[in-house]
Amino acid sequence: RIVNDLQELGELEVGDIRPKPRRLSLPSVADEIALVFGRRARERRVDLELRIPDALPDVFADEAMIGRAMSNLLENSLRYTTA
């Protein structure tokens, strides 16, 4: 996975991959990511709780890249957090 991430980062730097920004809701992306990681969190006896402000505006971003960033943060958090 690290090799793939580094390869993708290199492709971004040389322009082989271009972000596809569009208007999106960060709470919706976060909800989807939390669903994916919810089971793993329960297995590790870690409470996963989303706290998202009600009035959070939409953003103009690449949904896949934002999702990947959120996934990486949760992956690392679960890896290094004790029950």
PDB file of N, CA and C in Angstrom:
ATOM      1  N   ARG A   1       0.821  -1.195   0.000  1.00  0.00           N
ATOM      2  CA  ARG A   1       0.000   0.000   0.000  1.00  0.00           C
ATOM      3  C   ARG A   1       0.863   1.257   0.000  1.00  0.00           C
ATOM      4  N   ILE A   2       1.935   1.239   0.760  1.00  0.00           N
ATOM      5  CA  ILE A   2       2.834   2.391   0.809  1.00  0.00           C
ATOM      6  C   ILE A   2       3.454   2.631  -0.568  1.00  0.00           C
ATOM      7  N   VAL A   3       3.848   1.554  -1.229  1.00  0.00           N
ATOM      8  CA  VAL A   3       4.435   1.681  -2.570  1.00  0.00           C
ATOM      9  C   VAL A   3       3.414   2.300  -3.526  1.00  0.00           C
ATOM     10  N   ASN A   4       2.168   1.839  -3.464  1.00  0.00           N
ATOM     11  CA  ASN A   4       1.125   2.409  -4.321  1.00  0.00           C
ATOM     12  C   ASN A   4       0.896   3.887  -4.019  1.00  0.00           C
ATOM     13  N   ASP A   5       0.886   4.243  -2.723  1.00  0.00           N
ATOM     14  CA  ASP A   5       0.701   5.642  -2.345  1.00  0.00           C
ATOM     15  C   ASP A   5       1.844   6.505  -2.868  1.00  0.00           C
ATOM     16  N   LEU A   6       3.077   6.000  -2.754  1.00  0.00           N
ATOM     17  CA  LEU A   6       4.230   6.757  -3.250  1.00  0.00           C
ATOM     18  C   LEU A   6       4.195   6.892  -4.771  1.00  0.00           C
ATOM     19  N   GLN A   7       3.775   5.820  -5.443  1.00  0.00           N
ATOM     20  CA  GLN A   7       3.668   5.886  -6.902  1.00  0.00           C
ATOM     21  C   GLN A   7       2.618   6.920  -7.306  1.00  0.00           C
ATOM     22  N   GLU A   8       1.490   6.908  -6.624  1.00  0.00           N
ATOM     23  CA  GLU A   8       0.431   7.871  -6.939  1.00  0.00           C
ATOM     24  C   GLU A   8       0.893   9.293  -6.648  1.00  0.00           C
ATOM     25  N   LEU A   9       1.618   9.494  -5.566  1.00  0.00           N
ATOM     26  CA  LEU A   9       2.145  10.819  -5.243  1.00  0.00           C
ATOM     27  C   LEU A   9       3.089  11.298  -6.342  1.00  0.00           C
ATOM     28  N   GLY A  10       3.928  10.405  -6.825  1.00  0.00           N
ATOM     29  CA  GLY A  10       4.830  10.751  -7.926  1.00  0.00           C
ATOM     30  C   GLY A  10       4.071  11.117  -9.188  1.00  0.00           C
ATOM     31  N   GLU A  11       3.019  10.370  -9.480  1.00  0.00           N
ATOM     32  CA  GLU A  11       2.202  10.669 -10.664  1.00  0.00           C
ATOM     33  C   GLU A  11       1.503  12.019 -10.522  1.00  0.00           C
ATOM     34  N   LEU A  12       1.082  12.342  -9.313  1.00  0.00           N
ATOM     35  CA  LEU A  12       0.472  13.657  -9.080  1.00  0.00           C
ATOM     36  C   LEU A  12       1.481  14.774  -9.334  1.00  0.00           C
ATOM     37  N   GLU A  13       2.706  14.557  -8.848  1.00  0.00           N
ATOM     38  CA  GLU A  13       3.732  15.585  -8.983  1.00  0.00           C
ATOM     39  C   GLU A  13       4.097  15.849 -10.444  1.00  0.00           C
ATOM     40  N   VAL A  14       4.134  14.813 -11.274  1.00  0.00           N
ATOM     41  CA  VAL A  14       4.479  15.014 -12.681  1.00  0.00           C
ATOM     42  C   VAL A  14       3.267  15.324 -13.545  1.00  0.00           C
ATOM     43  N   GLY A  15       2.086  15.274 -12.959  1.00  0.00           N
ATOM     44  CA  GLY A  15       0.893  15.644 -13.695  1.00  0.00           C
ATOM     45  C   GLY A  15       0.209  14.504 -14.421  1.00  0.00           C
ATOM     46  N   ASP A  16       0.639  13.256 -14.166  1.00  0.00           N
ATOM     47  CA  ASP A  16      -0.017  12.115 -14.812  1.00  0.00           C
ATOM     48  C   ASP A  16      -1.422  11.878 -14.253  1.00  0.00           C
ATOM     49  N   ILE A  17      -1.618  12.230 -13.001  1.00  0.00           N
ATOM     50  CA  ILE A  17      -2.939  12.129 -12.381  1.00  0.00           C
ATOM     51  C   ILE A  17      -3.392  13.546 -12.060  1.00  0.00           C
ATOM     52  N   ARG A  18      -4.576  13.852 -12.464  1.00  0.00           N
ATOM     53  CA  ARG A  18      -5.119  15.184 -12.186  1.00  0.00           C
ATOM     54  C   ARG A  18      -6.340  15.043 -11.287  1.00  0.00           C
ATOM     55  N   PRO A  19      -6.388  15.857 -10.235  1.00  0.00           N
ATOM     56  CA  PRO A  19      -7.571  15.831  -9.380  1.00  0.00           C
ATOM     57  C   PRO A  19      -8.821  16.178 -10.191  1.00  0.00           C
ATOM     58  N   LYS A  20      -9.921  15.580  -9.804  1.00  0.00           N
ATOM     59  CA  LYS A  20     -11.207  15.860 -10.444  1.00  0.00           C
ATOM     60  C   LYS A  20     -12.113  16.522  -9.417  1.00  0.00           C
ATOM     61  N   PRO A  21     -11.887  17.810  -9.172  1.00  0.00           N
ATOM     62  CA  PRO A  21     -12.669  18.479  -8.131  1.00  0.00           C
ATOM     63  C   PRO A  21     -14.130  18.663  -8.524  1.00  0.00           C
ATOM     64  N   ARG A  22     -14.972  18.551  -7.514  1.00  0.00           N
ATOM     65  CA  ARG A  22     -16.393  18.820  -7.670  1.00  0.00           C
ATOM     66  C   ARG A  22     -16.920  19.231  -6.303  1.00  0.00           C
ATOM     67  N   ARG A  23     -18.088  19.788  -6.287  1.00  0.00           N
ATOM     68  CA  ARG A  23     -18.698  20.209  -5.026  1.00  0.00           C
ATOM     69  C   ARG A  23     -19.126  18.966  -4.253  1.00  0.00           C
ATOM     70  N   LEU A  24     -18.708  18.891  -2.980  1.00  0.00           N
ATOM     71  CA  LEU A  24     -19.095  17.736  -2.187  1.00  0.00           C
ATOM     72  C   LEU A  24     -19.249  18.096  -0.718  1.00  0.00           C
ATOM     73  N   SER A  25     -19.943  17.247  -0.028  1.00  0.00           N
ATOM     74  CA  SER A  25     -20.215  17.405   1.394  1.00  0.00           C
ATOM     75  C   SER A  25     -19.215  16.572   2.188  1.00  0.00           C
ATOM     76  N   LEU A  26     -18.389  17.235   2.989  1.00  0.00           N
ATOM     77  CA  LEU A  26     -17.419  16.501   3.797  1.00  0.00           C
ATOM     78  C   LEU A  26     -18.099  15.576   4.807  1.00  0.00           C
ATOM     79  N   PRO A  27     -19.226  15.991   5.429  1.00  0.00           N
ATOM     80  CA  PRO A  27     -19.890  15.052   6.337  1.00  0.00           C
ATOM     81  C   PRO A  27     -20.313  13.753   5.649  1.00  0.00           C
ATOM     82  N   SER A  28     -20.754  13.836   4.402  1.00  0.00           N
ATOM     83  CA  SER A  28     -21.145  12.625   3.677  1.00  0.00           C
ATOM     84  C   SER A  28     -19.943  11.723   3.439  1.00  0.00           C
ATOM     85  N   VAL A  29     -18.826  12.310   3.047  1.00  0.00           N
ATOM     86  CA  VAL A  29     -17.607  11.526   2.825  1.00  0.00           C
ATOM     87  C   VAL A  29     -17.155  10.901   4.145  1.00  0.00           C
ATOM     88  N   ALA A  30     -17.181  11.688   5.215  1.00  0.00           N
ATOM     89  CA  ALA A  30     -16.761  11.188   6.525  1.00  0.00           C
ATOM     90  C   ALA A  30     -17.670  10.052   7.000  1.00  0.00           C
ATOM     91  N   ASP A  31     -18.971  10.168   6.767  1.00  0.00           N
ATOM     92  CA  ASP A  31     -19.909   9.094   7.141  1.00  0.00           C
ATOM     93  C   ASP A  31     -19.563   7.794   6.430  1.00  0.00           C
ATOM     94  N   GLU A  32     -19.281   7.884   5.143  1.00  0.00           N
ATOM     95  CA  GLU A  32     -18.938   6.682   4.369  1.00  0.00           C
ATOM     96  C   GLU A  32     -17.653   6.039   4.895  1.00  0.00           C
ATOM     97  N   ILE A  33     -16.652   6.865   5.175  1.00  0.00           N
ATOM     98  CA  ILE A  33     -15.380   6.341   5.675  1.00  0.00           C
ATOM     99  C   ILE A  33     -15.580   5.720   7.054  1.00  0.00           C
ATOM    100  N   ALA A  34     -16.378   6.355   7.899  1.00  0.00           N
ATOM    101  CA  ALA A  34     -16.629   5.820   9.240  1.00  0.00           C
ATOM    102  C   ALA A  34     -17.327   4.464   9.167  1.00  0.00           C
ATOM    103  N   LEU A  35     -18.225   4.295   8.207  1.00  0.00           N
ATOM    104  CA  LEU A  35     -18.879   2.995   8.039  1.00  0.00           C
ATOM    105  C   LEU A  35     -17.862   1.907   7.688  1.00  0.00           C
ATOM    106  N   VAL A  36     -16.922   2.254   6.837  1.00  0.00           N
ATOM    107  CA  VAL A  36     -15.900   1.296   6.424  1.00  0.00           C
ATOM    108  C   VAL A  36     -15.025   0.894   7.613  1.00  0.00           C
ATOM    109  N   PHE A  37     -14.674   1.863   8.458  1.00  0.00           N
ATOM    110  CA  PHE A  37     -13.756   1.599   9.559  1.00  0.00           C
ATOM    111  C   PHE A  37     -14.461   1.229  10.862  1.00  0.00           C
ATOM    112  N   GLY A  38     -15.771   1.311  10.896  1.00  0.00           N
ATOM    113  CA  GLY A  38     -16.518   1.017  12.114  1.00  0.00           C
ATOM    114  C   GLY A  38     -16.281  -0.383  12.651  1.00  0.00           C
ATOM    115  N   ARG A  39     -16.320  -1.371  11.782  1.00  0.00           N
ATOM    116  CA  ARG A  39     -16.117  -2.756  12.205  1.00  0.00           C
ATOM    117  C   ARG A  39     -14.719  -2.956  12.778  1.00  0.00           C
ATOM    118  N   ARG A  40     -13.741  -2.413  12.095  1.00  0.00           N
ATOM    119  CA  ARG A  40     -12.362  -2.554  12.566  1.00  0.00           C
ATOM    120  C   ARG A  40     -12.181  -1.881  13.923  1.00  0.00           C
ATOM    121  N   ALA A  41     -12.818  -0.727  14.098  1.00  0.00           N
ATOM    122  CA  ALA A  41     -12.729  -0.031  15.385  1.00  0.00           C
ATOM    123  C   ALA A  41     -13.350  -0.889  16.488  1.00  0.00           C
ATOM    124  N   ARG A  42     -14.522  -1.464  16.228  1.00  0.00           N
ATOM    125  CA  ARG A  42     -15.172  -2.320  17.231  1.00  0.00           C
ATOM    126  C   ARG A  42     -14.294  -3.516  17.580  1.00  0.00           C
ATOM    127  N   GLU A  43     -13.671  -4.110  16.561  1.00  0.00           N
ATOM    128  CA  GLU A  43     -12.788  -5.256  16.808  1.00  0.00           C
ATOM    129  C   GLU A  43     -11.626  -4.881  17.714  1.00  0.00           C
ATOM    130  N   ARG A  44     -11.157  -3.669  17.601  1.00  0.00           N
ATOM    131  CA  ARG A  44     -10.032  -3.198  18.423  1.00  0.00           C
ATOM    132  C   ARG A  44     -10.490  -2.562  19.727  1.00  0.00           C
ATOM    133  N   ARG A  45     -11.809  -2.610  19.968  1.00  0.00           N
ATOM    134  CA  ARG A  45     -12.431  -2.029  21.164  1.00  0.00           C
ATOM    135  C   ARG A  45     -12.127  -0.530  21.284  1.00  0.00           C
ATOM    136  N   VAL A  46     -12.276   0.142  20.154  1.00  0.00           N
ATOM    137  CA  VAL A  46     -12.094   1.592  20.079  1.00  0.00           C
ATOM    138  C   VAL A  46     -13.419   2.198  19.642  1.00  0.00           C
ATOM    139  N   ASP A  47     -13.852   3.226  20.356  1.00  0.00           N
ATOM    140  CA  ASP A  47     -15.079   3.926  19.974  1.00  0.00           C
ATOM    141  C   ASP A  47     -14.768   4.907  18.854  1.00  0.00           C
ATOM    142  N   LEU A  48     -15.492   4.774  17.763  1.00  0.00           N
ATOM    143  CA  LEU A  48     -15.343   5.689  16.634  1.00  0.00           C
ATOM    144  C   LEU A  48     -16.565   6.600  16.623  1.00  0.00           C
ATOM    145  N   GLU A  49     -16.335   7.874  16.831  1.00  0.00           N
ATOM    146  CA  GLU A  49     -17.428   8.834  16.923  1.00  0.00           C
ATOM    147  C   GLU A  49     -17.150  10.025  16.012  1.00  0.00           C
ATOM    148  N   LEU A  50     -18.129  10.375  15.181  1.00  0.00           N
ATOM    149  CA  LEU A  50     -17.997  11.549  14.321  1.00  0.00           C
ATOM    150  C   LEU A  50     -18.623  12.753  15.015  1.00  0.00           C
ATOM    151  N   ARG A  51     -17.898  13.835  15.030  1.00  0.00           N
ATOM    152  CA  ARG A  51     -18.420  15.099  15.549  1.00  0.00           C
ATOM    153  C   ARG A  51     -18.234  16.139  14.449  1.00  0.00           C
ATOM    154  N   ILE A  52     -19.309  16.392  13.743  1.00  0.00           N
ATOM    155  CA  ILE A  52     -19.257  17.283  12.593  1.00  0.00           C
ATOM    156  C   ILE A  52     -20.169  18.471  12.845  1.00  0.00           C
ATOM    157  N   PRO A  53     -19.669  19.702  12.704  1.00  0.00           N
ATOM    158  CA  PRO A  53     -20.518  20.878  12.890  1.00  0.00           C
ATOM    159  C   PRO A  53     -21.707  20.862  11.927  1.00  0.00           C
ATOM    160  N   ASP A  54     -22.848  21.343  12.403  1.00  0.00           N
ATOM    161  CA  ASP A  54     -24.060  21.351  11.579  1.00  0.00           C
ATOM    162  C   ASP A  54     -23.934  22.239  10.348  1.00  0.00           C
ATOM    163  N   ALA A  55     -23.282  23.353  10.483  1.00  0.00           N
ATOM    164  CA  ALA A  55     -23.242  24.337   9.398  1.00  0.00           C
ATOM    165  C   ALA A  55     -21.960  24.252   8.572  1.00  0.00           C
ATOM    166  N   LEU A  56     -21.416  23.071   8.411  1.00  0.00           N
ATOM    167  CA  LEU A  56     -20.197  22.912   7.638  1.00  0.00           C
ATOM    168  C   LEU A  56     -20.518  23.081   6.153  1.00  0.00           C
ATOM    169  N   PRO A  57     -19.866  24.037   5.479  1.00  0.00           N
ATOM    170  CA  PRO A  57     -20.183  24.266   4.059  1.00  0.00           C
ATOM    171  C   PRO A  57     -19.613  23.162   3.173  1.00  0.00           C
ATOM    172  N   ASP A  58     -20.197  23.023   1.993  1.00  0.00           N
ATOM    173  CA  ASP A  58     -19.655  22.103   0.998  1.00  0.00           C
ATOM    174  C   ASP A  58     -18.281  22.607   0.561  1.00  0.00           C
ATOM    175  N   VAL A  59     -17.472  21.689   0.027  1.00  0.00           N
ATOM    176  CA  VAL A  59     -16.147  22.045  -0.470  1.00  0.00           C
ATOM    177  C   VAL A  59     -16.045  21.656  -1.942  1.00  0.00           C
ATOM    178  N   PHE A  60     -15.082  22.205  -2.623  1.00  0.00           N
ATOM    179  CA  PHE A  60     -14.802  21.887  -4.015  1.00  0.00           C
ATOM    180  C   PHE A  60     -13.501  21.099  -4.016  1.00  0.00           C
ATOM    181  N   ALA A  61     -13.603  19.759  -4.138  1.00  0.00           N
ATOM    182  CA  ALA A  61     -12.423  18.906  -4.007  1.00  0.00           C
ATOM    183  C   ALA A  61     -12.629  17.596  -4.749  1.00  0.00           C
ATOM    184  N   ASP A  62     -11.556  16.836  -4.865  1.00  0.00           N
ATOM    185  CA  ASP A  62     -11.608  15.509  -5.463  1.00  0.00           C
ATOM    186  C   ASP A  62     -12.054  14.532  -4.376  1.00  0.00           C
ATOM    187  N   GLU A  63     -13.230  13.947  -4.548  1.00  0.00           N
ATOM    188  CA  GLU A  63     -13.803  13.086  -3.516  1.00  0.00           C
ATOM    189  C   GLU A  63     -12.922  11.879  -3.203  1.00  0.00           C
ATOM    190  N   ALA A  64     -12.347  11.265  -4.218  1.00  0.00           N
ATOM    191  CA  ALA A  64     -11.499  10.094  -3.989  1.00  0.00           C
ATOM    192  C   ALA A  64     -10.259  10.459  -3.181  1.00  0.00           C
ATOM    193  N   MET A  65      -9.671  11.601  -3.480  1.00  0.00           N
ATOM    194  CA  MET A  65      -8.464  12.007  -2.754  1.00  0.00           C
ATOM    195  C   MET A  65      -8.779  12.394  -1.311  1.00  0.00           C
ATOM    196  N   ILE A  66      -9.889  13.085  -1.106  1.00  0.00           N
ATOM    197  CA  ILE A  66     -10.303  13.444   0.263  1.00  0.00           C
ATOM    198  C   ILE A  66     -10.616  12.171   1.039  1.00  0.00           C
ATOM    199  N   GLY A  67     -11.323  11.254   0.403  1.00  0.00           N
ATOM    200  CA  GLY A  67     -11.635   9.981   1.053  1.00  0.00           C
ATOM    201  C   GLY A  67     -10.390   9.201   1.417  1.00  0.00           C
ATOM    202  N   ARG A  68      -9.408   9.210   0.526  1.00  0.00           N
ATOM    203  CA  ARG A  68      -8.148   8.515   0.796  1.00  0.00           C
ATOM    204  C   ARG A  68      -7.421   9.155   1.975  1.00  0.00           C
ATOM    205  N   ALA A  69      -7.421  10.474   2.045  1.00  0.00           N
ATOM    206  CA  ALA A  69      -6.767  11.162   3.163  1.00  0.00           C
ATOM    207  C   ALA A  69      -7.451  10.810   4.486  1.00  0.00           C
ATOM    208  N   MET A  70      -8.786  10.833   4.485  1.00  0.00           N
ATOM    209  CA  MET A  70      -9.523  10.476   5.703  1.00  0.00           C
ATOM    210  C   MET A  70      -9.265   9.021   6.085  1.00  0.00           C
ATOM    211  N   SER A  71      -9.246   8.149   5.099  1.00  0.00           N
ATOM    212  CA  SER A  71      -8.989   6.732   5.362  1.00  0.00           C
ATOM    213  C   SER A  71      -7.601   6.534   5.964  1.00  0.00           C
ATOM    214  N   ASN A  72      -6.617   7.227   5.430  1.00  0.00           N
ATOM    215  CA  ASN A  72      -5.256   7.114   5.961  1.00  0.00           C
ATOM    216  C   ASN A  72      -5.198   7.577   7.411  1.00  0.00           C
ATOM    217  N   LEU A  73      -5.890   8.671   7.724  1.00  0.00           N
ATOM    218  CA  LEU A  73      -5.905   9.167   9.105  1.00  0.00           C
ATOM    219  C   LEU A  73      -6.545   8.152  10.046  1.00  0.00           C
ATOM    220  N   LEU A  74      -7.681   7.587   9.633  1.00  0.00           N
ATOM    221  CA  LEU A  74      -8.339   6.597  10.487  1.00  0.00           C
ATOM    222  C   LEU A  74      -7.516   5.319  10.600  1.00  0.00           C
ATOM    223  N   GLU A  75      -6.936   4.900   9.507  1.00  0.00           N
ATOM    224  CA  GLU A  75      -6.091   3.702   9.521  1.00  0.00           C
ATOM    225  C   GLU A  75      -4.963   3.862  10.532  1.00  0.00           C
ATOM    226  N   ASN A  76      -4.275   4.987  10.477  1.00  0.00           N
ATOM    227  CA  ASN A  76      -3.176   5.235  11.415  1.00  0.00           C
ATOM    228  C   ASN A  76      -3.681   5.376  12.845  1.00  0.00           C
ATOM    229  N   SER A  77      -4.814   6.028  13.013  1.00  0.00           N
ATOM    230  CA  SER A  77      -5.375   6.193  14.358  1.00  0.00           C
ATOM    231  C   SER A  77      -5.695   4.842  14.975  1.00  0.00           C
ATOM    232  N   LEU A  78      -6.336   3.974  14.203  1.00  0.00           N
ATOM    233  CA  LEU A  78      -6.683   2.656  14.734  1.00  0.00           C
ATOM    234  C   LEU A  78      -5.437   1.803  14.990  1.00  0.00           C
ATOM    235  N   ARG A  79      -4.446   1.971  14.165  1.00  0.00           N
ATOM    236  CA  ARG A  79      -3.220   1.180  14.321  1.00  0.00           C
ATOM    237  C   ARG A  79      -2.501   1.540  15.613  1.00  0.00           C
ATOM    238  N   TYR A  80      -2.537   2.799  16.014  1.00  0.00           N
ATOM    239  CA  TYR A  80      -1.738   3.246  17.146  1.00  0.00           C
ATOM    240  C   TYR A  80      -2.550   3.639  18.377  1.00  0.00           C
ATOM    241  N   THR A  81      -3.834   3.315  18.396  1.00  0.00           N
ATOM    242  CA  THR A  81      -4.670   3.624  19.555  1.00  0.00           C
ATOM    243  C   THR A  81      -4.997   2.331  20.281  1.00  0.00           C
ATOM    244  N   THR A  82      -4.838   2.351  21.579  1.00  0.00           N
ATOM    245  CA  THR A  82      -5.178   1.167  22.378  1.00  0.00           C
ATOM    246  C   THR A  82      -6.660   1.225  22.727  1.00  0.00           C
ATOM    247  N   ALA A  83      -7.176   0.065  23.122  1.00  0.00           N
ATOM    248  CA  ALA A  83      -8.602  -0.025  23.491  1.00  0.00           C
ATOM    249  C   ALA A  83      -8.918   0.902  24.647  1.00  0.00           C
TER     250      ALA A  83
END
